[in-house]
Every structure is written in C-alpha cells, then in structure tokens.
Amino acid sequence: MVHETERKIKLKIERNRIRVTIFHGEDEQVIKLNLEEARGLREELDKVIEDYSQRKQIRID
C-alpha cells in the first residue's frame, strides 16, 4: 500500500539568508542558505534537470 503525501517547497528571504522549507505530510525540513550556497544549488539543479531531460529523450530499443 502506497501512501501519497503532498510535498510543498516554500522559499523565503530572511535578513541575510534564503530559507528553504520542504513540507512533506506533517513533517518539514528547513535549510538556510547564504547567497553563495543558493547560487551553487541553482547551478547544480540546472545541471541535474538538463541531464534528466536528456535521459528521458533516450529510447532503449
């Protein structure tokens, strides 16, 4: 039996950090990133998303 839990991601600018809150079910995970860390995360996400998109286009015959 698989239970579906709704997942939400919220971003908030704090004084000198970017707060990332991930809600999953009744739980939540909070990560606070400085600007350099947030930019690094963005770059890594861009790479992974591009790789994922390319892999979806490859057909295995």
PDB file of N, CA and C in Angstrom:
ATOM      1  N   MET A   1       0.850  -1.173   0.000  1.00  0.00           N
ATOM      2  CA  MET A   1       0.000   0.000   0.000  1.00  0.00           C
ATOM      3  C   MET A   1       0.899   1.240   0.000  1.00  0.00           C
ATOM      4  N   VAL A   2       0.657   2.134  -0.928  1.00  0.00           N
ATOM      5  CA  VAL A   2       1.452   3.349  -1.043  1.00  0.00           C
ATOM      6  C   VAL A   2       0.633   4.519  -0.551  1.00  0.00           C
ATOM      7  N   HIS A   3       1.203   5.289   0.346  1.00  0.00           N
ATOM      8  CA  HIS A   3       0.533   6.477   0.848  1.00  0.00           C
ATOM      9  C   HIS A   3       1.093   7.694   0.132  1.00  0.00           C
ATOM     10  N   GLU A   4       0.208   8.472  -0.449  1.00  0.00           N
ATOM     11  CA  GLU A   4       0.616   9.695  -1.123  1.00  0.00           C
ATOM     12  C   GLU A   4       0.638  10.827  -0.098  1.00  0.00           C
ATOM     13  N   THR A   5       1.758  11.513  -0.003  1.00  0.00           N
ATOM     14  CA  THR A   5       1.832  12.681   0.847  1.00  0.00           C
ATOM     15  C   THR A   5       2.156  13.872  -0.023  1.00  0.00           C
ATOM     16  N   GLU A   6       1.460  14.939   0.225  1.00  0.00           N
ATOM     17  CA  GLU A   6       1.678  16.148  -0.549  1.00  0.00           C
ATOM     18  C   GLU A   6       2.987  16.794  -0.113  1.00  0.00           C
ATOM     19  N   ARG A   7       3.758  17.213  -1.089  1.00  0.00           N
ATOM     20  CA  ARG A   7       5.027  17.861  -0.790  1.00  0.00           C
ATOM     21  C   ARG A   7       4.970  19.279  -1.337  1.00  0.00           C
ATOM     22  N   LYS A   8       5.362  20.226  -0.510  1.00  0.00           N
ATOM     23  CA  LYS A   8       5.407  21.625  -0.921  1.00  0.00           C
ATOM     24  C   LYS A   8       6.786  22.172  -0.581  1.00  0.00           C
ATOM     25  N   ILE A   9       7.251  23.078  -1.406  1.00  0.00           N
ATOM     26  CA  ILE A   9       8.516  23.750  -1.148  1.00  0.00           C
ATOM     27  C   ILE A   9       8.244  25.244  -1.131  1.00  0.00           C
ATOM     28  N   LYS A  10       8.645  25.895  -0.049  1.00  0.00           N
ATOM     29  CA  LYS A  10       8.473  27.342   0.071  1.00  0.00           C
ATOM     30  C   LYS A  10       9.840  27.996   0.251  1.00  0.00           C
ATOM     31  N   LEU A  11       9.996  29.133  -0.388  1.00  0.00           N
ATOM     32  CA  LEU A  11      11.228  29.903  -0.276  1.00  0.00           C
ATOM     33  C   LEU A  11      10.911  31.250   0.349  1.00  0.00           C
ATOM     34  N   LYS A  12      11.808  31.704   1.216  1.00  0.00           N
ATOM     35  CA  LYS A  12      11.601  32.982   1.891  1.00  0.00           C
ATOM     36  C   LYS A  12      12.949  33.667   2.056  1.00  0.00           C
ATOM     37  N   ILE A  13      12.967  34.949   1.810  1.00  0.00           N
ATOM     38  CA  ILE A  13      14.189  35.718   2.017  1.00  0.00           C
ATOM     39  C   ILE A  13      14.189  36.214   3.462  1.00  0.00           C
ATOM     40  N   GLU A  14      15.222  35.839   4.179  1.00  0.00           N
ATOM     41  CA  GLU A  14      15.411  36.340   5.529  1.00  0.00           C
ATOM     42  C   GLU A  14      16.448  37.465   5.464  1.00  0.00           C
ATOM     43  N   ARG A  15      16.875  37.938   6.569  1.00  0.00           N
ATOM     44  CA  ARG A  15      17.794  39.078   6.603  1.00  0.00           C
ATOM     45  C   ARG A  15      19.023  38.875   5.713  1.00  0.00           C
ATOM     46  N   ASN A  16      19.757  37.807   5.901  1.00  0.00           N
ATOM     47  CA  ASN A  16      20.937  37.552   5.075  1.00  0.00           C
ATOM     48  C   ASN A  16      21.023  36.091   4.643  1.00  0.00           C
ATOM     49  N   ARG A  17      19.883  35.445   4.557  1.00  0.00           N
ATOM     50  CA  ARG A  17      19.811  34.033   4.162  1.00  0.00           C
ATOM     51  C   ARG A  17      18.577  33.816   3.297  1.00  0.00           C
ATOM     52  N   ILE A  18      18.609  32.721   2.574  1.00  0.00           N
ATOM     53  CA  ILE A  18      17.434  32.255   1.861  1.00  0.00           C
ATOM     54  C   ILE A  18      16.973  31.001   2.585  1.00  0.00           C
ATOM     55  N   ARG A  19      15.751  31.033   3.031  1.00  0.00           N
ATOM     56  CA  ARG A  19      15.195  29.919   3.802  1.00  0.00           C
ATOM     57  C   ARG A  19      14.394  29.021   2.866  1.00  0.00           C
ATOM     58  N   VAL A  20      14.759  27.753   2.818  1.00  0.00           N
ATOM     59  CA  VAL A  20      14.058  26.759   2.019  1.00  0.00           C
ATOM     60  C   VAL A  20      13.347  25.830   2.996  1.00  0.00           C
ATOM     61  N   THR A  21      12.032  25.766   2.891  1.00  0.00           N
ATOM     62  CA  THR A  21      11.260  24.883   3.756  1.00  0.00           C
ATOM     63  C   THR A  21      10.559  23.857   2.882  1.00  0.00           C
ATOM     64  N   ILE A  22      10.797  22.593   3.180  1.00  0.00           N
ATOM     65  CA  ILE A  22      10.170  21.500   2.442  1.00  0.00           C
ATOM     66  C   ILE A  22       9.177  20.828   3.381  1.00  0.00           C
ATOM     67  N   PHE A  23       7.911  20.860   3.001  1.00  0.00           N
ATOM     68  CA  PHE A  23       6.848  20.238   3.776  1.00  0.00           C
ATOM     69  C   PHE A  23       6.492  18.913   3.127  1.00  0.00           C
ATOM     70  N   HIS A  24       6.454  17.864   3.910  1.00  0.00           N
ATOM     71  CA  HIS A  24       6.015  16.560   3.418  1.00  0.00           C
ATOM     72  C   HIS A  24       5.181  15.912   4.498  1.00  0.00           C
ATOM     73  N   GLY A  25       3.894  15.860   4.209  1.00  0.00           N
ATOM     74  CA  GLY A  25       2.965  15.363   5.217  1.00  0.00           C
ATOM     75  C   GLY A  25       2.943  16.321   6.402  1.00  0.00           C
ATOM     76  N   GLU A  26       3.114  15.777   7.587  1.00  0.00           N
ATOM     77  CA  GLU A  26       3.129  16.600   8.790  1.00  0.00           C
ATOM     78  C   GLU A  26       4.536  17.071   9.145  1.00  0.00           C
ATOM     79  N   ASP A  27       5.528  16.584   8.431  1.00  0.00           N
ATOM     80  CA  ASP A  27       6.920  16.923   8.716  1.00  0.00           C
ATOM     81  C   ASP A  27       7.381  18.082   7.847  1.00  0.00           C
ATOM     82  N   GLU A  28       8.434  18.738   8.287  1.00  0.00           N
ATOM     83  CA  GLU A  28       9.048  19.778   7.478  1.00  0.00           C
ATOM     84  C   GLU A  28      10.550  19.783   7.706  1.00  0.00           C
ATOM     85  N   GLN A  29      11.268  20.195   6.689  1.00  0.00           N
ATOM     86  CA  GLN A  29      12.728  20.305   6.734  1.00  0.00           C
ATOM     87  C   GLN A  29      13.069  21.741   6.354  1.00  0.00           C
ATOM     88  N   VAL A  30      13.881  22.395   7.173  1.00  0.00           N
ATOM     89  CA  VAL A  30      14.269  23.774   6.909  1.00  0.00           C
ATOM     90  C   VAL A  30      15.763  23.819   6.638  1.00  0.00           C
ATOM     91  N   ILE A  31      16.120  24.495   5.556  1.00  0.00           N
ATOM     92  CA  ILE A  31      17.521  24.704   5.189  1.00  0.00           C
ATOM     93  C   ILE A  31      17.705  26.199   4.972  1.00  0.00           C
ATOM     94  N   LYS A  32      18.718  26.755   5.597  1.00  0.00           N
ATOM     95  CA  LYS A  32      19.021  28.170   5.405  1.00  0.00           C
ATOM     96  C   LYS A  32      20.333  28.272   4.641  1.00  0.00           C
ATOM     97  N   LEU A  33      20.287  28.960   3.505  1.00  0.00           N
ATOM     98  CA  LEU A  33      21.447  29.075   2.635  1.00  0.00           C
ATOM     99  C   LEU A  33      21.888  30.529   2.520  1.00  0.00           C
ATOM    100  N   ASN A  34      23.213  30.734   2.491  1.00  0.00           N
ATOM    101  CA  ASN A  34      23.678  32.075   2.168  1.00  0.00           C
ATOM    102  C   ASN A  34      23.599  32.217   0.650  1.00  0.00           C
ATOM    103  N   LEU A  35      23.883  33.402   0.133  1.00  0.00           N
ATOM    104  CA  LEU A  35      23.713  33.658  -1.289  1.00  0.00           C
ATOM    105  C   LEU A  35      24.600  32.758  -2.147  1.00  0.00           C
ATOM    106  N   GLU A  36      25.830  32.548  -1.726  1.00  0.00           N
ATOM    107  CA  GLU A  36      26.750  31.685  -2.482  1.00  0.00           C
ATOM    108  C   GLU A  36      26.244  30.245  -2.539  1.00  0.00           C
ATOM    109  N   GLU A  37      25.754  29.737  -1.419  1.00  0.00           N
ATOM    110  CA  GLU A  37      25.218  28.373  -1.381  1.00  0.00           C
ATOM    111  C   GLU A  37      23.972  28.250  -2.260  1.00  0.00           C
ATOM    112  N   ALA A  38      23.124  29.267  -2.228  1.00  0.00           N
ATOM    113  CA  ALA A  38      21.904  29.243  -3.041  1.00  0.00           C
ATOM    114  C   ALA A  38      22.248  29.242  -4.530  1.00  0.00           C
ATOM    115  N   ARG A  39      23.236  30.031  -4.921  1.00  0.00           N
ATOM    116  CA  ARG A  39      23.654  30.048  -6.324  1.00  0.00           C
ATOM    117  C   ARG A  39      24.236  28.694  -6.736  1.00  0.00           C
ATOM    118  N   GLY A  40      25.033  28.087  -5.863  1.00  0.00           N
ATOM    119  CA  GLY A  40      25.587  26.770  -6.144  1.00  0.00           C
ATOM    120  C   GLY A  40      24.494  25.726  -6.304  1.00  0.00           C
ATOM    121  N   LEU A  41      23.491  25.791  -5.442  1.00  0.00           N
ATOM    122  CA  LEU A  41      22.362  24.861  -5.533  1.00  0.00           C
ATOM    123  C   LEU A  41      21.625  25.056  -6.849  1.00  0.00           C
ATOM    124  N   ARG A  42      21.416  26.307  -7.239  1.00  0.00           N
ATOM    125  CA  ARG A  42      20.740  26.591  -8.509  1.00  0.00           C
ATOM    126  C   ARG A  42      21.510  25.998  -9.685  1.00  0.00           C
ATOM    127  N   GLU A  43      22.824  26.169  -9.682  1.00  0.00           N
ATOM    128  CA  GLU A  43      23.653  25.627 -10.763  1.00  0.00           C
ATOM    129  C   GLU A  43      23.564  24.103 -10.819  1.00  0.00           C
ATOM    130  N   GLU A  44      23.652  23.463  -9.668  1.00  0.00           N
ATOM    131  CA  GLU A  44      23.572  22.007  -9.621  1.00  0.00           C
ATOM    132  C   GLU A  44      22.192  21.516 -10.072  1.00  0.00           C
ATOM    133  N   LEU A  45      21.128  22.210  -9.643  1.00  0.00           N
ATOM    134  CA  LEU A  45      19.783  21.831 -10.071  1.00  0.00           C
ATOM    135  C   LEU A  45      19.632  21.978 -11.577  1.00  0.00           C
ATOM    136  N   ASP A  46      20.160  23.051 -12.139  1.00  0.00           N
ATOM    137  CA  ASP A  46      20.097  23.245 -13.593  1.00  0.00           C
ATOM    138  C   ASP A  46      20.772  22.088 -14.319  1.00  0.00           C
ATOM    139  N   LYS A  47      21.938  21.667 -13.838  1.00  0.00           N
ATOM    140  CA  LYS A  47      22.663  20.559 -14.464  1.00  0.00           C
ATOM    141  C   LYS A  47      21.868  19.255 -14.371  1.00  0.00           C
ATOM    142  N   VAL A  48      21.332  18.982 -13.198  1.00  0.00           N
ATOM    143  CA  VAL A  48      20.595  17.738 -12.990  1.00  0.00           C
ATOM    144  C   VAL A  48      19.309  17.727 -13.820  1.00  0.00           C
ATOM    145  N   ILE A  49      18.620  18.845 -13.888  1.00  0.00           N
ATOM    146  CA  ILE A  49      17.393  18.920 -14.673  1.00  0.00           C
ATOM    147  C   ILE A  49      17.691  18.727 -16.152  1.00  0.00           C
ATOM    148  N   GLU A  50      18.750  19.334 -16.638  1.00  0.00           N
ATOM    149  CA  GLU A  50      19.147  19.163 -18.039  1.00  0.00           C
ATOM    150  C   GLU A  50      19.498  17.703 -18.318  1.00  0.00           C
ATOM    151  N   ASP A  51      20.263  17.086 -17.425  1.00  0.00           N
ATOM    152  CA  ASP A  51      20.638  15.679 -17.583  1.00  0.00           C
ATOM    153  C   ASP A  51      19.393  14.792 -17.583  1.00  0.00           C
ATOM    154  N   TYR A  52      18.482  15.064 -16.681  1.00  0.00           N
ATOM    155  CA  TYR A  52      17.236  14.300 -16.592  1.00  0.00           C
ATOM    156  C   TYR A  52      16.440  14.422 -17.887  1.00  0.00           C
ATOM    157  N   SER A  53      16.340  15.637 -18.414  1.00  0.00           N
ATOM    158  CA  SER A  53      15.601  15.856 -19.661  1.00  0.00           C
ATOM    159  C   SER A  53      16.226  15.094 -20.817  1.00  0.00           C
ATOM    160  N   GLN A  54      17.545  15.097 -20.888  1.00  0.00           N
ATOM    161  CA  GLN A  54      18.228  14.375 -21.959  1.00  0.00           C
ATOM    162  C   GLN A  54      18.039  12.875 -21.824  1.00  0.00           C
ATOM    163  N   ARG A  55      18.079  12.366 -20.625  1.00  0.00           N
ATOM    164  CA  ARG A  55      17.903  10.924 -20.412  1.00  0.00           C
ATOM    165  C   ARG A  55      16.494  10.470 -20.776  1.00  0.00           C
ATOM    166  N   LYS A  56      15.502  11.325 -20.537  1.00  0.00           N
ATOM    167  CA  LYS A  56      14.129  10.964 -20.887  1.00  0.00           C
ATOM    168  C   LYS A  56      13.961  10.831 -22.390  1.00  0.00           C
ATOM    169  N   GLN A  57      14.795  11.532 -23.164  1.00  0.00           N
ATOM    170  CA  GLN A  57      14.679  11.503 -24.621  1.00  0.00           C
ATOM    171  C   GLN A  57      15.359  10.277 -25.227  1.00  0.00           C
ATOM    172  N   ILE A  58      16.230   9.626 -24.461  1.00  0.00           N
ATOM    173  CA  ILE A  58      16.929   8.441 -24.967  1.00  0.00           C
ATOM    174  C   ILE A  58      15.976   7.254 -24.911  1.00  0.00           C
ATOM    175  N   ARG A  59      15.838   6.588 -26.038  1.00  0.00           N
ATOM    176  CA  ARG A  59      14.974   5.411 -26.094  1.00  0.00           C
ATOM    177  C   ARG A  59      15.828   4.155 -26.078  1.00  0.00           C
ATOM    178  N   ILE A  60      15.436   3.227 -25.271  1.00  0.00           N
ATOM    179  CA  ILE A  60      16.127   1.931 -25.223  1.00  0.00           C
ATOM    180  C   ILE A  60      15.323   0.962 -26.075  1.00  0.00           C
ATOM    181  N   ASP A  61      15.931   0.519 -27.165  1.00  0.00           N
ATOM    182  CA  ASP A  61      15.235  -0.408 -28.072  1.00  0.00           C
ATOM    183  C   ASP A  61      15.699  -1.831 -27.842  1.00  0.00           C
TER     184      ASP A  61
END
